[in-house]
Amino acid sequence: MKRPFLTKSKAESASGTKMKVVVTCCLCVLIPSFVFAAGPQYSGIFDSTLHLAEGGGEAQYGLEEYANLRLKWNAGDYGSVYAAFNVLAASGIDALRIPQTLLGVSAANGNYAASIELERLYFHLLHDKFAIDGGLMRLAFGYGNAFSPMDFFNQKNPLKPDARLRAVLGGDIIYYPTDMSSLKLFAAAPRAQQSTTLQDMFTGISGEAHTGLFSVQGIYFWQPKEDDHVGYHYGGVSLKADLALGIVLDTLYSYTGNDTRGVEGFSLSFGFDYTFSVFDRTLSMLAEYLFNGQQSATAFNAEYNTTGLHHHHFIFASFQYALSDLSALSAAALCCIDDGSIQPMLSFDHDIFQGAHILLQMGIPLDTNGSSGELGPAAGSRFWATLKWTLRL
């Protein structure tokens, strides 16, 4: 015997879930407005994107509407509170990539999937020579452009240079001995958010100094780990020189007492960038090499790694030529030296008016050594193209 009231209950449940999401987001914005005397400062972006791809012998599509809303409240003379939200609605291949977060919602009977995600939520206190930050925030380290091994908590993806890197739950205390130097103590929760073991926490120290032409940053941090009395140790250095060329060196070494990692514990990037004039227009070029140790911070199975690179040697290169004050043409490629696979990309972007631009990108993954390369067609689509319209709020 059918029980139609069960269907009604599911519909009511889905509707109730969506209502909870809306109410929660409204409270996140409104409550601080009552707590702090001054209203929030708003900023953000809105993207409308069409994706086309060929994979598995069929043409595929994706549609995505994305908004990133950022808010700031001032708390007295020395404090600030920051929050940011991601709101997504998508269909096709883009719907498959939407994370089902705590506030995520999927439209069961609609033609799209949707998600709302808390991206940032932290405080900042600054007084004289000291600063304190805590919450869901970016803990950023290193000067690497395409790769940055020292930026352990969220590795960069060179094929998505404009991506807003995800935050971690943590905090830091910063001391500024001079205007050109700083010393930071920091801590961060592990990737497994439900871990209750103190030994899984990361704690560390970093220092940074600048001169007119050179910058240097050093870092050491430690994860005790229950199963190892020595724990996991990480140490690194990042250098930047603004000479005729902009030169960067970024490296991080990982070590535990239970293994002999040797060179496989190293993740190292080295590269340069240079800008010059061609036909009275600006041409910018960048090249960077990555050594990806198989037990390093950028290894595929590293705890906080988001790039997912398997092999040892990679090179990234990009060129951007300003066609006018409003338009630019770019070419970039990521190459895996070990297997000869390449991910090339062409881009054209144009500022339509202040605060709005359109971007066209396309790529054809190549494999010079059979069809099993890490970056070749076997790893994804044989062709992809993206048309994106962006408005800055």
Protein backbone atom coordinates (compact mmCIF):
# COMPACT_ATOMS: atom_id res chain seq x y z
CA MET A 1 0.00 0.00 0.00
CA LYS A 2 1.37 3.41 -1.00
CA ARG A 3 1.84 6.02 1.66
CA PRO A 4 1.75 9.37 -0.16
CA PHE A 5 2.42 11.34 3.00
CA LEU A 6 6.05 10.11 2.89
CA THR A 7 6.56 11.98 -0.39
CA LYS A 8 5.13 15.08 1.16
CA SER A 9 7.42 14.70 4.13
CA LYS A 10 10.49 14.57 1.87
CA ALA A 11 9.40 17.70 0.03
CA GLU A 12 8.78 19.49 3.30
CA SER A 13 12.18 18.32 4.56
CA ALA A 14 13.98 19.68 1.48
CA SER A 15 12.10 22.96 1.76
CA GLY A 16 12.92 23.15 5.46
CA THR A 17 16.61 22.51 4.78
CA LYS A 18 16.75 25.36 2.27
CA MET A 19 14.99 27.66 4.70
CA LYS A 20 17.54 26.79 7.42
CA VAL A 21 20.35 27.71 5.05
CA VAL A 22 18.80 31.08 4.24
CA VAL A 23 18.08 31.84 7.90
CA THR A 24 21.60 30.80 8.96
CA CYS A 25 23.26 33.05 6.37
CA CYS A 26 21.03 35.97 7.31
CA LEU A 27 21.92 35.53 10.99
CA CYS A 28 25.65 35.37 10.15
CA VAL A 29 25.34 38.78 8.52
CA LEU A 30 22.82 40.47 10.81
CA ILE A 31 24.07 39.44 14.27
CA PRO A 32 27.51 41.10 13.88
CA SER A 33 25.75 44.22 12.60
CA PHE A 34 24.00 44.52 15.99
CA VAL A 35 27.15 43.63 17.96
CA PHE A 36 29.39 46.20 16.25
CA ALA A 37 28.36 49.83 16.16
CA ALA A 38 29.41 50.45 12.56
CA GLY A 39 27.80 48.57 9.72
CA PRO A 40 29.81 46.08 7.66
CA GLN A 41 31.95 46.95 4.66
CA TYR A 42 31.01 44.85 1.64
CA SER A 43 33.04 43.60 -1.31
CA GLY A 44 33.04 40.53 -3.53
CA ILE A 45 32.73 39.12 -7.01
CA PHE A 46 30.06 37.47 -9.13
CA ASP A 47 30.94 34.98 -11.89
CA SER A 48 28.67 33.54 -14.58
CA THR A 49 30.45 30.69 -16.40
CA LEU A 50 29.84 28.37 -19.33
CA HIS A 51 32.09 25.30 -19.61
CA LEU A 52 32.41 23.08 -22.68
CA ALA A 53 34.47 19.89 -22.76
CA GLU A 54 35.02 16.67 -24.68
CA GLY A 55 35.54 13.57 -22.60
CA GLY A 56 34.81 9.90 -22.99
CA GLY A 57 33.81 10.41 -26.61
CA GLU A 58 30.98 12.84 -25.86
CA ALA A 59 30.51 16.59 -25.70
CA GLN A 60 29.87 17.88 -22.18
CA TYR A 61 28.70 21.18 -20.76
CA GLY A 62 28.56 22.97 -17.43
CA LEU A 63 26.82 26.12 -16.20
CA GLU A 64 27.81 27.85 -12.98
CA GLU A 65 26.66 30.96 -11.14
CA TYR A 66 29.07 31.84 -8.36
CA ALA A 67 29.24 34.70 -5.87
CA ASN A 68 31.87 35.42 -3.24
CA LEU A 69 30.66 37.94 -0.66
CA ARG A 70 33.19 39.43 1.77
CA LEU A 71 32.35 41.46 4.85
CA LYS A 72 34.37 43.41 7.40
CA TRP A 73 33.33 44.90 10.73
CA ASN A 74 35.52 47.25 12.77
CA ALA A 75 35.65 46.50 16.49
CA GLY A 76 36.95 49.59 18.26
CA ASP A 77 40.28 51.13 17.33
CA TYR A 78 42.34 47.94 17.16
CA GLY A 79 40.09 45.08 16.10
CA SER A 80 38.33 43.82 12.98
CA VAL A 81 36.15 40.83 12.17
CA TYR A 82 36.07 39.31 8.68
CA ALA A 83 33.64 36.91 7.05
CA ALA A 84 33.20 35.56 3.52
CA PHE A 85 30.66 33.28 1.86
CA ASN A 86 30.59 31.31 -1.38
CA VAL A 87 27.22 30.81 -3.06
CA LEU A 88 27.02 28.44 -6.05
CA ALA A 89 24.36 27.16 -8.42
CA ALA A 90 25.39 24.80 -11.22
CA SER A 91 24.30 22.15 -13.68
CA GLY A 92 26.11 19.68 -15.94
CA ILE A 93 29.76 18.89 -15.17
CA ASP A 94 29.94 21.86 -12.79
CA ALA A 95 27.21 20.36 -10.61
CA LEU A 96 29.42 17.32 -10.00
CA ARG A 97 32.09 19.54 -8.43
CA ILE A 98 29.88 21.32 -5.89
CA PRO A 99 30.94 20.31 -2.37
CA GLN A 100 28.18 19.20 -0.05
CA THR A 101 29.17 21.39 2.86
CA LEU A 102 27.39 21.73 6.19
CA LEU A 103 25.22 24.44 4.66
CA GLY A 104 25.10 22.78 1.25
CA VAL A 105 21.80 22.18 -0.50
CA SER A 106 21.07 20.11 -3.59
CA ALA A 107 17.84 20.81 -5.44
CA ALA A 108 16.37 17.32 -5.69
CA ASN A 109 13.64 18.21 -8.19
CA GLY A 110 15.30 21.12 -10.01
CA ASN A 111 17.71 21.34 -12.93
CA TYR A 112 20.61 22.55 -10.78
CA ALA A 113 22.62 21.83 -7.65
CA ALA A 114 23.34 24.58 -5.16
CA SER A 115 25.64 25.15 -2.23
CA ILE A 116 26.39 27.84 0.33
CA GLU A 117 29.79 27.70 2.01
CA LEU A 118 31.42 29.64 4.81
CA GLU A 119 34.82 30.60 3.36
CA ARG A 120 36.32 32.94 5.98
CA LEU A 121 35.44 33.85 9.56
CA TYR A 122 38.19 35.34 11.70
CA PHE A 123 39.26 38.27 13.84
CA HIS A 124 42.30 40.54 13.57
CA LEU A 125 43.76 42.61 16.41
CA LEU A 126 46.61 45.06 15.81
CA HIS A 127 48.25 47.27 18.43
CA ASP A 128 51.68 48.83 18.25
CA LYS A 129 54.13 46.00 17.38
CA PHE A 130 51.80 43.04 17.91
CA ALA A 131 48.98 41.43 15.91
CA ILE A 132 46.73 38.48 16.73
CA ASP A 133 44.54 36.57 14.25
CA GLY A 134 42.25 33.63 14.86
CA GLY A 135 39.46 31.71 13.15
CA LEU A 136 38.82 30.35 9.68
CA MET A 137 41.61 32.15 7.83
CA ARG A 138 44.51 31.88 5.40
CA LEU A 139 47.85 30.88 6.87
CA ALA A 140 50.01 31.83 3.89
CA PHE A 141 53.77 31.33 3.59
CA GLY A 142 56.37 31.59 0.83
CA TYR A 143 56.89 33.75 -2.25
CA GLY A 144 56.38 31.19 -5.04
CA ASN A 145 54.36 32.35 -8.04
CA ALA A 146 53.21 29.19 -9.82
CA PHE A 147 54.21 26.75 -7.06
CA SER A 148 54.85 27.49 -3.41
CA PRO A 149 55.92 24.41 -1.40
CA MET A 150 56.23 26.48 1.78
CA ASP A 151 52.56 27.43 1.55
CA PHE A 152 51.84 24.08 3.19
CA PHE A 153 48.23 24.56 4.23
CA ASN A 154 46.97 25.22 0.70
CA GLN A 155 49.19 24.52 -2.29
CA LYS A 156 48.67 26.66 -5.38
CA ASN A 157 47.37 25.31 -8.69
CA PRO A 158 49.38 27.04 -11.46
CA LEU A 159 46.57 26.47 -13.98
CA LYS A 160 44.20 28.46 -11.75
CA PRO A 161 46.29 31.47 -10.71
CA ASP A 162 43.27 33.61 -9.79
CA ALA A 163 41.65 30.99 -7.56
CA ARG A 164 40.91 32.16 -4.02
CA LEU A 165 42.74 29.64 -1.83
CA ARG A 166 40.79 27.92 0.91
CA ALA A 167 41.21 28.74 4.58
CA VAL A 168 42.12 26.62 7.59
CA LEU A 169 40.96 26.87 11.18
CA GLY A 170 43.87 28.28 13.13
CA GLY A 171 45.51 31.37 14.54
CA ASP A 172 48.73 33.31 14.92
CA ILE A 173 50.53 35.89 17.05
CA ILE A 174 52.83 38.24 15.13
CA TYR A 175 55.56 40.50 16.50
CA TYR A 176 57.00 43.30 14.31
CA PRO A 177 60.50 44.26 15.57
CA THR A 178 60.82 46.72 12.66
CA ASP A 179 58.71 47.87 9.72
CA MET A 180 60.60 45.40 7.51
CA SER A 181 60.59 42.26 9.67
CA SER A 182 58.21 40.02 11.60
CA LEU A 183 58.14 36.94 13.80
CA LYS A 184 55.06 34.70 13.85
CA LEU A 185 53.87 31.89 16.14
CA PHE A 186 51.01 29.91 14.62
CA ALA A 187 48.80 26.85 15.06
CA ALA A 188 46.30 25.07 12.82
CA ALA A 189 43.82 22.22 13.11
CA PRO A 190 44.42 19.02 11.10
CA ARG A 191 42.64 18.29 7.82
CA ALA A 192 40.39 15.74 9.59
CA GLN A 193 37.91 18.16 11.16
CA GLN A 194 36.51 15.61 13.60
CA SER A 195 39.89 14.69 15.06
CA THR A 196 39.89 15.27 18.82
CA THR A 197 43.54 14.37 19.42
CA LEU A 198 45.80 17.23 20.41
CA GLN A 199 48.76 15.47 18.76
CA ASP A 200 47.18 16.06 15.33
CA MET A 201 47.48 19.85 15.69
CA PHE A 202 50.13 21.79 13.78
CA THR A 203 52.22 24.34 15.70
CA GLY A 204 55.11 26.37 14.37
CA ILE A 205 57.14 29.53 14.01
CA SER A 206 58.11 31.67 11.03
CA GLY A 207 60.21 34.77 10.49
CA GLU A 208 60.38 37.25 7.64
CA ALA A 209 62.68 40.12 6.66
CA HIS A 210 62.77 42.55 3.71
CA THR A 211 65.30 44.91 2.22
CA GLY A 212 65.00 47.09 -0.86
CA LEU A 213 65.72 44.24 -3.30
CA PHE A 214 65.54 41.03 -1.27
CA SER A 215 63.03 39.22 0.93
CA VAL A 216 63.57 36.07 2.97
CA GLN A 217 61.19 33.93 5.01
CA GLY A 218 61.89 30.87 7.12
CA ILE A 219 59.49 28.41 8.71
CA TYR A 220 59.47 25.43 11.07
CA PHE A 221 56.39 23.57 12.26
CA TRP A 222 55.60 20.28 13.95
CA GLN A 223 52.77 17.76 14.16
CA PRO A 224 53.31 15.44 17.17
CA LYS A 225 51.21 12.47 15.91
CA GLU A 226 50.15 9.78 18.40
CA ASP A 227 51.85 6.90 16.57
CA ASP A 228 55.29 8.51 16.47
CA HIS A 229 57.14 9.93 19.47
CA VAL A 230 59.29 12.01 17.09
CA GLY A 231 56.32 13.39 15.17
CA TYR A 232 56.25 15.03 11.75
CA HIS A 233 58.67 17.93 11.25
CA TYR A 234 58.65 20.53 8.48
CA GLY A 235 61.23 23.22 7.75
CA GLY A 236 61.62 25.55 4.83
CA VAL A 237 62.98 28.75 3.37
CA SER A 238 61.66 31.14 0.72
CA LEU A 239 63.72 33.79 -1.06
CA LYS A 240 62.69 36.60 -3.42
CA ALA A 241 64.93 39.00 -5.32
CA ASP A 242 63.64 41.97 -7.33
CA LEU A 243 66.54 42.46 -9.72
CA ALA A 244 66.44 42.83 -13.50
CA LEU A 245 64.52 39.56 -13.19
CA GLY A 246 62.19 38.74 -10.36
CA ILE A 247 63.68 35.54 -8.90
CA VAL A 248 62.03 33.21 -6.37
CA LEU A 249 63.20 30.11 -4.52
CA ASP A 250 60.75 28.22 -2.31
CA THR A 251 61.44 24.94 -0.52
CA LEU A 252 60.06 22.81 2.31
CA TYR A 253 61.50 19.61 3.78
CA SER A 254 59.36 16.99 5.56
CA TYR A 255 60.82 14.54 8.07
CA THR A 256 59.64 11.86 10.52
CA GLY A 257 61.63 9.63 12.82
CA ASN A 258 60.16 6.43 11.35
CA ASP A 259 61.52 6.71 7.81
CA THR A 260 64.51 7.77 5.80
CA ARG A 261 63.04 10.17 3.28
CA GLY A 262 66.23 11.64 1.89
CA VAL A 263 65.61 13.72 -1.20
CA GLU A 264 62.00 12.46 -1.37
CA GLY A 265 61.18 14.68 1.61
CA PHE A 266 62.02 17.80 -0.40
CA SER A 267 59.58 19.97 -2.30
CA LEU A 268 61.42 22.76 -4.11
CA SER A 269 60.45 25.39 -6.67
CA PHE A 270 62.65 27.87 -8.47
CA GLY A 271 61.70 30.42 -11.10
CA PHE A 272 61.68 33.93 -12.45
CA ASP A 273 59.35 36.55 -13.87
CA TYR A 274 60.20 39.39 -16.25
CA THR A 275 58.22 42.23 -17.80
CA PHE A 276 59.30 44.29 -20.79
CA SER A 277 57.85 46.34 -23.66
CA VAL A 278 57.04 44.98 -27.13
CA PHE A 279 55.51 47.35 -29.70
CA ASP A 280 54.76 49.82 -26.90
CA ARG A 281 52.77 47.17 -25.04
CA THR A 282 53.65 45.14 -21.95
CA LEU A 283 54.76 41.51 -22.24
CA SER A 284 55.03 39.58 -18.97
CA MET A 285 56.65 36.16 -18.77
CA LEU A 286 56.97 33.68 -15.92
CA ALA A 287 58.70 30.31 -15.64
CA GLU A 288 58.96 28.06 -12.61
CA TYR A 289 60.30 24.56 -11.93
CA LEU A 290 59.00 22.20 -9.23
CA PHE A 291 60.75 19.19 -7.73
CA ASN A 292 57.98 17.16 -6.11
CA GLY A 293 59.41 14.67 -3.61
CA GLN A 294 57.20 11.62 -3.18
CA GLN A 295 57.06 12.06 0.60
CA SER A 296 57.07 15.85 0.59
CA ALA A 297 54.47 18.53 1.30
CA THR A 298 53.43 18.65 -2.37
CA ALA A 299 53.22 14.87 -2.84
CA PHE A 300 49.89 13.49 -4.00
CA ASN A 301 49.02 11.94 -0.63
CA ALA A 302 50.26 14.81 1.58
CA GLU A 303 47.72 15.80 4.23
CA TYR A 304 47.05 19.36 3.09
CA ASN A 305 47.98 19.04 -0.58
CA THR A 306 45.29 20.19 -3.04
CA THR A 307 47.22 20.06 -6.33
CA GLY A 308 47.54 16.27 -6.53
CA LEU A 309 50.82 15.87 -8.46
CA HIS A 310 52.27 12.34 -8.67
CA HIS A 311 55.59 12.68 -10.51
CA HIS A 312 58.88 14.37 -9.60
CA HIS A 313 59.61 17.11 -12.14
CA PHE A 314 57.29 19.83 -13.44
CA ILE A 315 57.75 23.10 -15.33
CA PHE A 316 55.21 25.88 -15.64
CA ALA A 317 55.56 28.79 -18.08
CA SER A 318 53.22 31.64 -18.97
CA PHE A 319 53.20 34.72 -21.22
CA GLN A 320 50.77 37.63 -21.09
CA TYR A 321 50.67 40.38 -23.70
CA ALA A 322 48.63 43.54 -23.22
CA LEU A 323 46.77 44.13 -26.50
CA SER A 324 45.44 47.42 -25.15
CA ASP A 325 44.71 49.10 -21.83
CA LEU A 326 41.58 46.92 -21.58
CA SER A 327 42.54 43.61 -23.22
CA ALA A 328 45.21 40.94 -22.75
CA LEU A 329 46.14 37.66 -24.40
CA SER A 330 47.81 34.90 -22.37
CA ALA A 331 49.39 31.52 -23.06
CA ALA A 332 50.42 29.10 -20.31
CA ALA A 333 51.43 25.46 -19.97
CA LEU A 334 52.16 22.99 -17.19
CA CYS A 335 54.50 20.18 -18.26
CA CYS A 336 55.37 16.94 -16.48
CA ILE A 337 58.99 16.27 -17.49
CA ASP A 338 58.86 12.63 -16.32
CA ASP A 339 56.24 11.47 -18.83
CA GLY A 340 56.09 14.31 -21.36
CA SER A 341 52.43 15.22 -20.76
CA ILE A 342 51.40 18.86 -21.07
CA GLN A 343 48.43 21.00 -20.07
CA PRO A 344 48.49 24.09 -22.35
CA MET A 345 46.00 26.95 -21.97
CA LEU A 346 45.11 30.05 -23.98
CA SER A 347 43.24 32.99 -22.44
CA PHE A 348 41.77 36.26 -23.61
CA ASP A 349 40.33 38.75 -21.15
CA HIS A 350 38.77 42.14 -21.72
CA ASP A 351 37.58 44.80 -19.28
CA ILE A 352 34.15 45.83 -20.51
CA PHE A 353 33.84 48.66 -18.02
CA GLN A 354 35.15 49.37 -14.55
CA GLY A 355 34.44 46.41 -12.30
CA ALA A 356 33.43 44.01 -15.08
CA HIS A 357 35.41 41.83 -17.47
CA ILE A 358 34.94 38.81 -19.69
CA LEU A 359 37.38 35.87 -19.92
CA LEU A 360 37.70 33.20 -22.60
CA GLN A 361 39.95 30.21 -21.89
CA MET A 362 40.62 26.96 -23.73
CA GLY A 363 42.98 24.03 -23.45
CA ILE A 364 43.91 20.81 -25.24
CA PRO A 365 45.83 18.39 -22.95
CA LEU A 366 48.70 16.74 -24.83
CA ASP A 367 50.62 13.53 -24.26
CA THR A 368 53.91 13.09 -26.10
CA ASN A 369 54.55 9.60 -24.75
CA GLY A 370 51.55 7.36 -25.38
CA SER A 371 48.33 8.08 -23.48
CA SER A 372 49.18 7.48 -19.83
CA GLY A 373 50.72 10.84 -18.91
CA GLU A 374 49.71 12.53 -15.68
CA LEU A 375 48.58 15.73 -17.43
CA GLY A 376 47.49 14.17 -20.73
CA PRO A 377 44.01 13.43 -22.12
CA ALA A 378 43.70 10.20 -20.14
CA ALA A 379 43.66 12.26 -16.94
CA GLY A 380 40.60 14.27 -18.00
CA SER A 381 38.99 15.99 -20.96
CA ARG A 382 40.56 16.00 -24.42
CA PHE A 383 39.39 19.58 -24.93
CA TRP A 384 37.86 22.22 -22.72
CA ALA A 385 36.76 25.82 -23.07
CA THR A 386 35.43 28.36 -20.59
CA LEU A 387 33.56 31.62 -21.07
CA LYS A 388 33.30 33.66 -17.86
CA TRP A 389 31.65 36.98 -17.10
CA THR A 390 32.83 38.64 -13.85
CA LEU A 391 31.39 41.57 -11.92
CA ARG A 392 33.24 43.05 -8.94
CA LEU A 393 31.04 44.28 -6.14
